[in-house]
Amino acid sequence: MPYYNFLNRGKKSLKMGNKLPKEKTLGTLKKELQVIFNRFIRLRDTIDGTYFICISCQEPKSLDQMNAGHFFSAGHNEAIRYYEKNCNGQCVRCNNFLHGNLIGYTKGMLKKYGQATIDDLEIRRHNISKLAKFEVSLLMDIYKRKIEELNK
């Protein structure tokens, strides 16, 4: 059998369903990490497993009204997207309808963490951050463990 026929035959067998499982893309891994990270934030900021206090409006809300709201937006600040102090329990109204309610969020951040944390976030957000697949996978493992610890 000529060499080129051997190569073609191999391609046919791959087309017939003998494919290796596809490796997840970096984008897919980041989306999965965001879901896990948001779940961690929601658990971390829950009080007695029944309610939470919104970081922006400081009102007690039911858990179905809770988002993981970012002080500096996740989309434009990749360096602190998965940084725990940049993300806090925020009600749907403040996060979505009031576009983050930044004045209230700033007051909540000052109360919860202090000015030094806001200054630190301001510096960190300007860093260049490109996570590799293994780093995203490592972060997923870290936050899965943190979720397990909070569920105990």
C-alpha atoms as a PDB file:
ATOM      1  CA  MET A   1       0.000   0.000   0.000  1.00  0.00           C
ATOM      2  CA  PRO A   2       1.450   3.386  -0.936  1.00  0.00           C
ATOM      3  CA  TYR A   3       2.319   5.695   1.935  1.00  0.00           C
ATOM      4  CA  TYR A   4      -0.225   8.343   0.935  1.00  0.00           C
ATOM      5  CA  ASN A   5      -3.063   5.782   1.052  1.00  0.00           C
ATOM      6  CA  PHE A   6      -2.064   4.880   4.586  1.00  0.00           C
ATOM      7  CA  LEU A   7      -2.352   8.548   5.585  1.00  0.00           C
ATOM      8  CA  ASN A   8      -5.758   8.912   3.952  1.00  0.00           C
ATOM      9  CA  ARG A   9      -7.017   5.750   5.620  1.00  0.00           C
ATOM     10  CA  GLY A  10      -6.036   7.151   8.986  1.00  0.00           C
ATOM     11  CA  LYS A  11      -8.008  10.316   8.318  1.00  0.00           C
ATOM     12  CA  LYS A  12     -11.088   8.308   7.387  1.00  0.00           C
ATOM     13  CA  SER A  13     -10.970   6.409  10.642  1.00  0.00           C
ATOM     14  CA  LEU A  14     -10.843   9.683  12.561  1.00  0.00           C
ATOM     15  CA  LYS A  15     -13.887  10.918  10.676  1.00  0.00           C
ATOM     16  CA  MET A  16     -15.775   7.778  11.607  1.00  0.00           C
ATOM     17  CA  GLY A  17     -15.919   8.668  15.298  1.00  0.00           C
ATOM     18  CA  ASN A  18     -12.567   7.486  16.597  1.00  0.00           C
ATOM     19  CA  LYS A  19     -11.651  11.025  17.659  1.00  0.00           C
ATOM     20  CA  LEU A  20      -9.807  11.845  20.821  1.00  0.00           C
ATOM     21  CA  PRO A  21     -11.788  13.934  23.293  1.00  0.00           C
ATOM     22  CA  LYS A  22     -11.415  17.636  22.573  1.00  0.00           C
ATOM     23  CA  GLU A  23      -9.316  19.617  24.991  1.00  0.00           C
ATOM     24  CA  LYS A  24     -11.229  22.502  26.568  1.00  0.00           C
ATOM     25  CA  THR A  25     -10.304  25.941  25.308  1.00  0.00           C
ATOM     26  CA  LEU A  26      -8.978  28.631  27.622  1.00  0.00           C
ATOM     27  CA  GLY A  27     -12.225  30.555  27.147  1.00  0.00           C
ATOM     28  CA  THR A  28     -14.324  27.562  28.212  1.00  0.00           C
ATOM     29  CA  LEU A  29     -12.143  26.994  31.267  1.00  0.00           C
ATOM     30  CA  LYS A  30     -12.442  30.671  32.257  1.00  0.00           C
ATOM     31  CA  LYS A  31     -16.242  30.505  32.010  1.00  0.00           C
ATOM     32  CA  GLU A  32     -16.255  27.426  34.235  1.00  0.00           C
ATOM     33  CA  LEU A  33     -13.939  29.157  36.709  1.00  0.00           C
ATOM     34  CA  GLN A  34     -16.230  32.212  36.796  1.00  0.00           C
ATOM     35  CA  VAL A  35     -19.204  30.010  37.735  1.00  0.00           C
ATOM     36  CA  ILE A  36     -17.205  28.326  40.520  1.00  0.00           C
ATOM     37  CA  PHE A  37     -15.772  31.650  41.751  1.00  0.00           C
ATOM     38  CA  ASN A  38     -19.237  33.283  41.819  1.00  0.00           C
ATOM     39  CA  ARG A  39     -20.606  30.299  43.780  1.00  0.00           C
ATOM     40  CA  PHE A  40     -17.802  30.752  46.315  1.00  0.00           C
ATOM     41  CA  ILE A  41     -18.542  34.489  46.701  1.00  0.00           C
ATOM     42  CA  ARG A  42     -22.238  33.789  47.231  1.00  0.00           C
ATOM     43  CA  LEU A  43     -21.493  31.180  49.892  1.00  0.00           C
ATOM     44  CA  ARG A  44     -18.865  33.358  51.580  1.00  0.00           C
ATOM     45  CA  ASP A  45     -21.232  36.339  51.879  1.00  0.00           C
ATOM     46  CA  THR A  46     -24.309  34.403  52.991  1.00  0.00           C
ATOM     47  CA  ILE A  47     -25.427  34.921  56.584  1.00  0.00           C
ATOM     48  CA  ASP A  48     -26.814  31.865  58.384  1.00  0.00           C
ATOM     49  CA  GLY A  49     -27.512  30.279  54.999  1.00  0.00           C
ATOM     50  CA  THR A  50     -30.717  32.289  54.691  1.00  0.00           C
ATOM     51  CA  TYR A  51     -29.931  35.860  53.600  1.00  0.00           C
ATOM     52  CA  PHE A  52     -27.158  38.333  52.770  1.00  0.00           C
ATOM     53  CA  ILE A  53     -26.439  42.040  53.143  1.00  0.00           C
ATOM     54  CA  CYS A  54     -25.906  43.795  49.800  1.00  0.00           C
ATOM     55  CA  ILE A  55     -22.471  45.449  49.653  1.00  0.00           C
ATOM     56  CA  SER A  56     -23.979  48.477  47.870  1.00  0.00           C
ATOM     57  CA  CYS A  57     -27.329  49.262  49.489  1.00  0.00           C
ATOM     58  CA  GLN A  58     -26.584  47.535  52.831  1.00  0.00           C
ATOM     59  CA  GLU A  59     -30.080  45.998  52.846  1.00  0.00           C
ATOM     60  CA  PRO A  60     -30.764  42.402  53.861  1.00  0.00           C
ATOM     61  CA  LYS A  61     -31.924  40.394  50.847  1.00  0.00           C
ATOM     62  CA  SER A  62     -32.993  36.839  50.168  1.00  0.00           C
ATOM     63  CA  LEU A  63     -30.440  34.553  48.543  1.00  0.00           C
ATOM     64  CA  ASP A  64     -32.355  34.455  45.257  1.00  0.00           C
ATOM     65  CA  GLN A  65     -31.570  38.178  44.910  1.00  0.00           C
ATOM     66  CA  MET A  66     -27.804  37.678  45.266  1.00  0.00           C
ATOM     67  CA  ASN A  67     -25.222  38.275  42.569  1.00  0.00           C
ATOM     68  CA  ALA A  68     -21.454  38.164  42.845  1.00  0.00           C
ATOM     69  CA  GLY A  69     -20.856  41.820  41.997  1.00  0.00           C
ATOM     70  CA  HIS A  70     -17.420  43.145  41.072  1.00  0.00           C
ATOM     71  CA  PHE A  71     -16.185  46.503  42.389  1.00  0.00           C
ATOM     72  CA  PHE A  72     -14.008  46.911  39.290  1.00  0.00           C
ATOM     73  CA  SER A  73     -15.816  45.187  36.429  1.00  0.00           C
ATOM     74  CA  ALA A  74     -14.707  41.668  35.558  1.00  0.00           C
ATOM     75  CA  GLY A  75     -14.710  42.303  31.821  1.00  0.00           C
ATOM     76  CA  HIS A  76     -12.274  45.208  31.855  1.00  0.00           C
ATOM     77  CA  ASN A  77     -10.035  44.203  34.753  1.00  0.00           C
ATOM     78  CA  GLU A  78      -8.719  40.723  34.037  1.00  0.00           C
ATOM     79  CA  ALA A  79      -5.931  41.033  36.630  1.00  0.00           C
ATOM     80  CA  ILE A  80      -8.476  41.177  39.493  1.00  0.00           C
ATOM     81  CA  ARG A  81     -11.380  39.302  37.948  1.00  0.00           C
ATOM     82  CA  TYR A  82     -10.917  36.383  40.379  1.00  0.00           C
ATOM     83  CA  TYR A  83      -9.596  38.465  43.271  1.00  0.00           C
ATOM     84  CA  GLU A  84     -11.839  37.856  46.278  1.00  0.00           C
ATOM     85  CA  LYS A  85     -11.859  41.391  47.673  1.00  0.00           C
ATOM     86  CA  ASN A  86     -12.969  42.760  44.295  1.00  0.00           C
ATOM     87  CA  CYS A  87     -16.101  40.630  44.332  1.00  0.00           C
ATOM     88  CA  ASN A  88     -18.858  40.726  46.945  1.00  0.00           C
ATOM     89  CA  GLY A  89     -22.475  39.750  47.476  1.00  0.00           C
ATOM     90  CA  GLN A  90     -24.598  42.339  45.718  1.00  0.00           C
ATOM     91  CA  CYS A  91     -28.336  42.401  45.089  1.00  0.00           C
ATOM     92  CA  VAL A  92     -29.686  42.061  41.572  1.00  0.00           C
ATOM     93  CA  ARG A  93     -31.137  45.578  41.715  1.00  0.00           C
ATOM     94  CA  CYS A  94     -27.808  47.253  42.544  1.00  0.00           C
ATOM     95  CA  ASN A  95     -25.717  45.064  40.255  1.00  0.00           C
ATOM     96  CA  ASN A  96     -27.926  45.040  37.174  1.00  0.00           C
ATOM     97  CA  PHE A  97     -30.426  47.869  37.330  1.00  0.00           C
ATOM     98  CA  LEU A  98     -28.234  50.446  39.078  1.00  0.00           C
ATOM     99  CA  HIS A  99     -25.146  49.444  37.058  1.00  0.00           C
ATOM    100  CA  GLY A 100     -23.229  48.334  40.131  1.00  0.00           C
ATOM    101  CA  ASN A 101     -24.398  51.210  42.361  1.00  0.00           C
ATOM    102  CA  LEU A 102     -20.774  52.342  42.584  1.00  0.00           C
ATOM    103  CA  ILE A 103     -21.310  55.043  45.207  1.00  0.00           C
ATOM    104  CA  GLY A 104     -22.976  52.539  47.534  1.00  0.00           C
ATOM    105  CA  TYR A 105     -20.435  49.855  46.608  1.00  0.00           C
ATOM    106  CA  THR A 106     -17.565  52.204  47.511  1.00  0.00           C
ATOM    107  CA  LYS A 107     -19.155  52.937  50.893  1.00  0.00           C
ATOM    108  CA  GLY A 108     -19.615  49.196  51.456  1.00  0.00           C
ATOM    109  CA  MET A 109     -15.998  48.493  50.497  1.00  0.00           C
ATOM    110  CA  LEU A 110     -14.755  51.167  52.903  1.00  0.00           C
ATOM    111  CA  LYS A 111     -16.842  49.666  55.689  1.00  0.00           C
ATOM    112  CA  LYS A 112     -15.861  46.040  54.944  1.00  0.00           C
ATOM    113  CA  TYR A 113     -12.188  46.387  53.957  1.00  0.00           C
ATOM    114  CA  GLY A 114     -11.013  49.997  54.362  1.00  0.00           C
ATOM    115  CA  GLN A 115      -9.368  52.486  52.015  1.00  0.00           C
ATOM    116  CA  ALA A 116      -6.129  50.481  51.766  1.00  0.00           C
ATOM    117  CA  THR A 117      -7.941  47.641  49.985  1.00  0.00           C
ATOM    118  CA  ILE A 118      -9.531  49.999  47.481  1.00  0.00           C
ATOM    119  CA  ASP A 119      -6.113  51.531  46.811  1.00  0.00           C
ATOM    120  CA  ASP A 120      -4.620  48.035  46.414  1.00  0.00           C
ATOM    121  CA  LEU A 121      -7.335  47.056  43.922  1.00  0.00           C
ATOM    122  CA  GLU A 122      -6.742  50.264  41.972  1.00  0.00           C
ATOM    123  CA  ILE A 123      -3.072  49.354  41.588  1.00  0.00           C
ATOM    124  CA  ARG A 124      -3.655  45.644  40.873  1.00  0.00           C
ATOM    125  CA  ARG A 125      -6.270  46.260  38.190  1.00  0.00           C
ATOM    126  CA  HIS A 126      -3.675  47.873  35.929  1.00  0.00           C
ATOM    127  CA  ASN A 127      -1.452  44.794  35.931  1.00  0.00           C
ATOM    128  CA  ILE A 128      -1.325  42.711  32.788  1.00  0.00           C
ATOM    129  CA  SER A 129      -2.765  39.293  33.432  1.00  0.00           C
ATOM    130  CA  LYS A 130      -2.961  36.416  30.991  1.00  0.00           C
ATOM    131  CA  LEU A 131      -3.849  33.192  32.719  1.00  0.00           C
ATOM    132  CA  ALA A 132      -2.690  29.935  31.184  1.00  0.00           C
ATOM    133  CA  LYS A 133      -4.909  26.851  31.147  1.00  0.00           C
ATOM    134  CA  PHE A 134      -3.066  25.230  34.030  1.00  0.00           C
ATOM    135  CA  GLU A 135      -3.491  28.402  36.141  1.00  0.00           C
ATOM    136  CA  VAL A 136      -7.229  28.494  35.456  1.00  0.00           C
ATOM    137  CA  SER A 137      -7.488  24.793  36.352  1.00  0.00           C
ATOM    138  CA  LEU A 138      -5.528  25.423  39.545  1.00  0.00           C
ATOM    139  CA  LEU A 139      -7.841  28.296  40.515  1.00  0.00           C
ATOM    140  CA  MET A 140     -10.861  26.069  39.868  1.00  0.00           C
ATOM    141  CA  ASP A 141      -9.435  23.456  42.242  1.00  0.00           C
ATOM    142  CA  ILE A 142      -8.710  26.105  44.891  1.00  0.00           C
ATOM    143  CA  TYR A 143     -12.237  27.537  44.787  1.00  0.00           C
ATOM    144  CA  LYS A 144     -13.854  24.092  44.719  1.00  0.00           C
ATOM    145  CA  ARG A 145     -11.978  23.300  47.951  1.00  0.00           C
ATOM    146  CA  LYS A 146     -13.026  26.632  49.471  1.00  0.00           C
ATOM    147  CA  ILE A 147     -16.654  25.875  48.576  1.00  0.00           C
ATOM    148  CA  GLU A 148     -16.366  22.450  50.239  1.00  0.00           C
ATOM    149  CA  GLU A 149     -14.962  24.090  53.380  1.00  0.00           C
ATOM    150  CA  LEU A 150     -17.822  26.621  53.500  1.00  0.00           C
ATOM    151  CA  ASN A 151     -20.403  23.859  53.039  1.00  0.00           C
ATOM    152  CA  LYS A 152     -19.138  21.999  56.136  1.00  0.00           C
END
